[in-house]
Amino acid sequence: MGEIFHLVLMRRRFRHGALTMRLRSHVRSAVKTASWRAFAAVDTFGLVWLFSGHDTTHAIAAAGAVVGVEAITKSFLYFAHERLWEAPLLR
């Protein structure tokens, strides 16, 4: 009887541990996504400003618009990419 109770208790702990690890992994991916997008947004802003060929006011407006749109779309793409890398291989 004691062995059955121990087995059930260990099974429950394993499930809880796996769920905790999965949640941590998702949170870690979300934090990595946000930090990467902050660095990448600065890079994109600078490149658009540099290559826009407009005066400073229009270059800043163009760079801001590009960064705003691309930050949203690329955040979703990066998060999906990160989760695919963490997914177990299908066999």
N, C-alpha and C. Protein backbone atom coordinates (compact mmCIF):
# COMPACT_ATOMS: atom_id res chain seq x y z
N MET A 1 0.83 -1.20 0.00
CA MET A 1 0.00 0.00 0.00
C MET A 1 0.87 1.26 0.00
N GLY A 2 1.93 1.25 0.78
CA GLY A 2 2.83 2.38 0.85
C GLY A 2 3.50 2.65 -0.49
N GLU A 3 3.82 1.58 -1.23
CA GLU A 3 4.46 1.74 -2.54
C GLU A 3 3.52 2.41 -3.54
N ILE A 4 2.26 2.05 -3.49
CA ILE A 4 1.27 2.65 -4.40
C ILE A 4 1.13 4.14 -4.10
N PHE A 5 1.04 4.49 -2.80
CA PHE A 5 0.93 5.90 -2.42
C PHE A 5 2.15 6.67 -2.89
N HIS A 6 3.33 6.09 -2.69
CA HIS A 6 4.58 6.73 -3.12
C HIS A 6 4.60 6.94 -4.64
N LEU A 7 4.16 5.93 -5.38
CA LEU A 7 4.13 6.02 -6.84
C LEU A 7 3.18 7.13 -7.30
N VAL A 8 2.01 7.20 -6.70
CA VAL A 8 1.03 8.24 -7.05
C VAL A 8 1.59 9.62 -6.71
N LEU A 9 2.22 9.76 -5.55
CA LEU A 9 2.79 11.04 -5.13
C LEU A 9 3.91 11.47 -6.08
N MET A 10 4.79 10.55 -6.46
CA MET A 10 5.89 10.88 -7.37
C MET A 10 5.35 11.26 -8.75
N ARG A 11 4.32 10.57 -9.21
CA ARG A 11 3.72 10.88 -10.51
C ARG A 11 3.17 12.30 -10.52
N ARG A 12 2.50 12.66 -9.42
CA ARG A 12 1.94 14.01 -9.32
C ARG A 12 3.06 15.05 -9.32
N ARG A 13 4.15 14.81 -8.60
CA ARG A 13 5.27 15.74 -8.57
C ARG A 13 5.91 15.87 -9.94
N PHE A 14 6.02 14.78 -10.65
CA PHE A 14 6.61 14.83 -12.00
C PHE A 14 5.76 15.69 -12.92
N ARG A 15 4.45 15.50 -12.88
CA ARG A 15 3.57 16.32 -13.73
C ARG A 15 3.68 17.79 -13.37
N HIS A 16 3.70 18.08 -12.06
CA HIS A 16 3.81 19.48 -11.62
C HIS A 16 5.15 20.06 -12.06
N GLY A 17 6.22 19.29 -11.92
CA GLY A 17 7.54 19.76 -12.34
C GLY A 17 7.61 20.02 -13.83
N ALA A 18 7.02 19.14 -14.62
CA ALA A 18 7.02 19.31 -16.08
C ALA A 18 6.23 20.56 -16.46
N LEU A 19 5.10 20.79 -15.79
CA LEU A 19 4.29 21.97 -16.07
C LEU A 19 5.05 23.24 -15.70
N THR A 20 5.74 23.22 -14.56
CA THR A 20 6.53 24.37 -14.13
C THR A 20 7.65 24.65 -15.12
N MET A 21 8.35 23.60 -15.57
CA MET A 21 9.42 23.79 -16.54
C MET A 21 8.88 24.35 -17.85
N ARG A 22 7.72 23.86 -18.28
CA ARG A 22 7.12 24.35 -19.53
C ARG A 22 6.76 25.82 -19.41
N LEU A 23 6.17 26.21 -18.26
CA LEU A 23 5.79 27.61 -18.05
C LEU A 23 7.03 28.48 -18.00
N ARG A 24 8.09 28.05 -17.30
CA ARG A 24 9.33 28.82 -17.26
C ARG A 24 9.91 28.99 -18.65
N SER A 25 9.81 27.95 -19.45
CA SER A 25 10.35 28.00 -20.80
C SER A 25 9.60 29.03 -21.64
N HIS A 26 8.28 29.09 -21.50
CA HIS A 26 7.50 30.08 -22.24
C HIS A 26 7.81 31.50 -21.77
N VAL A 27 7.93 31.68 -20.46
CA VAL A 27 8.26 33.00 -19.92
C VAL A 27 9.65 33.41 -20.39
N ARG A 28 10.60 32.47 -20.36
CA ARG A 28 11.96 32.76 -20.82
C ARG A 28 11.95 33.17 -22.29
N SER A 29 11.17 32.47 -23.11
CA SER A 29 11.08 32.82 -24.53
C SER A 29 10.49 34.22 -24.71
N ALA A 30 9.49 34.56 -23.91
CA ALA A 30 8.86 35.88 -24.02
C ALA A 30 9.85 36.98 -23.62
N VAL A 31 10.63 36.75 -22.55
CA VAL A 31 11.62 37.75 -22.12
C VAL A 31 12.72 37.90 -23.16
N LYS A 32 13.18 36.77 -23.72
CA LYS A 32 14.20 36.83 -24.77
C LYS A 32 13.67 37.58 -25.98
N THR A 33 12.40 37.35 -26.32
CA THR A 33 11.79 38.05 -27.45
C THR A 33 11.79 39.56 -27.21
N ALA A 34 11.37 39.98 -26.04
CA ALA A 34 11.30 41.41 -25.73
C ALA A 34 12.69 42.05 -25.74
N SER A 35 13.67 41.39 -25.15
CA SER A 35 15.00 41.99 -25.11
C SER A 35 15.63 42.05 -26.50
N TRP A 36 15.42 41.01 -27.29
CA TRP A 36 15.95 41.02 -28.65
C TRP A 36 15.31 42.13 -29.48
N ARG A 37 14.00 42.30 -29.35
CA ARG A 37 13.30 43.31 -30.14
C ARG A 37 13.78 44.71 -29.75
N ALA A 38 14.11 44.94 -28.50
CA ALA A 38 14.63 46.25 -28.09
C ALA A 38 15.95 46.54 -28.81
N PHE A 39 16.86 45.58 -28.83
CA PHE A 39 18.13 45.76 -29.54
C PHE A 39 17.91 45.91 -31.03
N ALA A 40 17.07 45.07 -31.58
CA ALA A 40 16.84 45.09 -33.03
C ALA A 40 16.13 46.37 -33.47
N ALA A 41 15.25 46.91 -32.62
CA ALA A 41 14.54 48.14 -32.97
C ALA A 41 15.51 49.31 -33.10
N VAL A 42 16.48 49.37 -32.22
CA VAL A 42 17.50 50.43 -32.30
C VAL A 42 18.28 50.29 -33.60
N ASP A 43 18.66 49.07 -33.94
CA ASP A 43 19.38 48.81 -35.18
C ASP A 43 18.54 49.20 -36.40
N THR A 44 17.30 48.77 -36.43
CA THR A 44 16.43 49.09 -37.56
C THR A 44 16.22 50.60 -37.68
N PHE A 45 15.99 51.25 -36.55
CA PHE A 45 15.80 52.70 -36.57
C PHE A 45 17.01 53.39 -37.20
N GLY A 46 18.20 53.00 -36.74
CA GLY A 46 19.41 53.61 -37.27
C GLY A 46 19.61 53.36 -38.76
N LEU A 47 19.34 52.13 -39.20
CA LEU A 47 19.51 51.80 -40.61
C LEU A 47 18.51 52.53 -41.51
N VAL A 48 17.26 52.59 -41.08
CA VAL A 48 16.26 53.30 -41.89
C VAL A 48 16.59 54.79 -41.95
N TRP A 49 17.01 55.35 -40.84
CA TRP A 49 17.37 56.76 -40.80
C TRP A 49 18.57 57.01 -41.72
N LEU A 50 19.55 56.13 -41.67
CA LEU A 50 20.75 56.29 -42.47
C LEU A 50 20.47 56.18 -43.97
N PHE A 51 19.66 55.21 -44.36
CA PHE A 51 19.44 54.94 -45.78
C PHE A 51 18.19 55.59 -46.37
N SER A 52 17.44 56.36 -45.59
CA SER A 52 16.19 56.93 -46.11
C SER A 52 16.43 58.04 -47.13
N GLY A 53 17.50 58.77 -47.00
CA GLY A 53 17.81 59.81 -47.97
C GLY A 53 16.95 61.06 -47.83
N HIS A 54 16.18 61.16 -46.77
CA HIS A 54 15.34 62.34 -46.55
C HIS A 54 16.01 63.28 -45.55
N ASP A 55 15.39 64.42 -45.38
CA ASP A 55 15.90 65.31 -44.33
C ASP A 55 15.63 64.66 -42.96
N THR A 56 16.18 65.23 -41.94
CA THR A 56 16.15 64.60 -40.62
C THR A 56 14.74 64.34 -40.11
N THR A 57 13.83 65.29 -40.27
CA THR A 57 12.47 65.13 -39.77
C THR A 57 11.77 63.96 -40.44
N HIS A 58 11.85 63.88 -41.77
CA HIS A 58 11.20 62.78 -42.50
C HIS A 58 11.90 61.45 -42.24
N ALA A 59 13.21 61.47 -42.08
CA ALA A 59 13.94 60.23 -41.80
C ALA A 59 13.56 59.65 -40.45
N ILE A 60 13.41 60.52 -39.45
CA ILE A 60 13.00 60.06 -38.12
C ILE A 60 11.58 59.52 -38.16
N ALA A 61 10.69 60.19 -38.89
CA ALA A 61 9.30 59.72 -39.00
C ALA A 61 9.25 58.36 -39.71
N ALA A 62 10.01 58.22 -40.79
CA ALA A 62 10.03 56.95 -41.52
C ALA A 62 10.61 55.84 -40.65
N ALA A 63 11.70 56.13 -39.97
CA ALA A 63 12.33 55.13 -39.12
C ALA A 63 11.39 54.71 -37.99
N GLY A 64 10.70 55.66 -37.40
CA GLY A 64 9.75 55.35 -36.33
C GLY A 64 8.60 54.48 -36.82
N ALA A 65 8.10 54.76 -38.02
CA ALA A 65 7.01 53.97 -38.58
C ALA A 65 7.45 52.54 -38.86
N VAL A 66 8.62 52.39 -39.45
CA VAL A 66 9.13 51.05 -39.76
C VAL A 66 9.37 50.26 -38.47
N VAL A 67 10.00 50.88 -37.49
CA VAL A 67 10.28 50.20 -36.22
C VAL A 67 8.98 49.79 -35.53
N GLY A 68 7.98 50.65 -35.56
CA GLY A 68 6.70 50.33 -34.91
C GLY A 68 6.03 49.10 -35.49
N VAL A 69 5.99 49.02 -36.80
CA VAL A 69 5.34 47.88 -37.45
C VAL A 69 6.20 46.63 -37.32
N GLU A 70 7.48 46.75 -37.60
CA GLU A 70 8.32 45.56 -37.61
C GLU A 70 8.56 45.01 -36.22
N ALA A 71 8.49 45.84 -35.20
CA ALA A 71 8.67 45.33 -33.84
C ALA A 71 7.54 44.38 -33.47
N ILE A 72 6.34 44.69 -33.89
CA ILE A 72 5.19 43.83 -33.58
C ILE A 72 5.26 42.53 -34.37
N THR A 73 5.44 42.62 -35.68
CA THR A 73 5.43 41.41 -36.49
C THR A 73 6.62 40.50 -36.17
N LYS A 74 7.78 41.07 -36.01
CA LYS A 74 8.96 40.25 -35.76
C LYS A 74 8.99 39.69 -34.35
N SER A 75 8.30 40.31 -33.41
CA SER A 75 8.19 39.74 -32.07
C SER A 75 7.43 38.43 -32.12
N PHE A 76 6.31 38.42 -32.83
CA PHE A 76 5.54 37.18 -32.97
C PHE A 76 6.34 36.11 -33.71
N LEU A 77 7.02 36.51 -34.76
CA LEU A 77 7.82 35.54 -35.52
C LEU A 77 8.96 34.97 -34.68
N TYR A 78 9.65 35.82 -33.92
CA TYR A 78 10.75 35.34 -33.09
C TYR A 78 10.25 34.40 -32.00
N PHE A 79 9.13 34.74 -31.36
CA PHE A 79 8.57 33.90 -30.30
C PHE A 79 8.20 32.53 -30.87
N ALA A 80 7.56 32.51 -32.04
CA ALA A 80 7.20 31.23 -32.68
C ALA A 80 8.45 30.44 -33.02
N HIS A 81 9.47 31.10 -33.52
CA HIS A 81 10.73 30.44 -33.85
C HIS A 81 11.36 29.84 -32.59
N GLU A 82 11.36 30.59 -31.52
CA GLU A 82 11.92 30.13 -30.25
C GLU A 82 11.16 28.91 -29.73
N ARG A 83 9.84 28.93 -29.82
CA ARG A 83 9.04 27.80 -29.33
C ARG A 83 9.25 26.56 -30.20
N LEU A 84 9.43 26.75 -31.50
CA LEU A 84 9.70 25.61 -32.37
C LEU A 84 11.03 24.96 -32.01
N TRP A 85 12.02 25.75 -31.65
CA TRP A 85 13.31 25.20 -31.25
C TRP A 85 13.20 24.43 -29.94
N GLU A 86 12.27 24.82 -29.08
CA GLU A 86 12.10 24.15 -27.78
C GLU A 86 11.18 22.95 -27.88
N ALA A 87 10.44 22.81 -28.96
CA ALA A 87 9.48 21.70 -29.09
C ALA A 87 10.23 20.38 -29.25
N PRO A 88 9.68 19.32 -28.68
CA PRO A 88 10.32 18.02 -28.89
C PRO A 88 10.20 17.58 -30.34
N LEU A 89 11.16 16.82 -30.78
CA LEU A 89 11.13 16.33 -32.17
C LEU A 89 10.00 15.32 -32.33
N LEU A 90 9.30 15.42 -33.44
CA LEU A 90 8.26 14.44 -33.74
C LEU A 90 8.92 13.19 -34.28
N ARG A 91 8.52 12.07 -33.76
CA ARG A 91 9.12 10.81 -34.23
C ARG A 91 8.07 9.90 -34.77
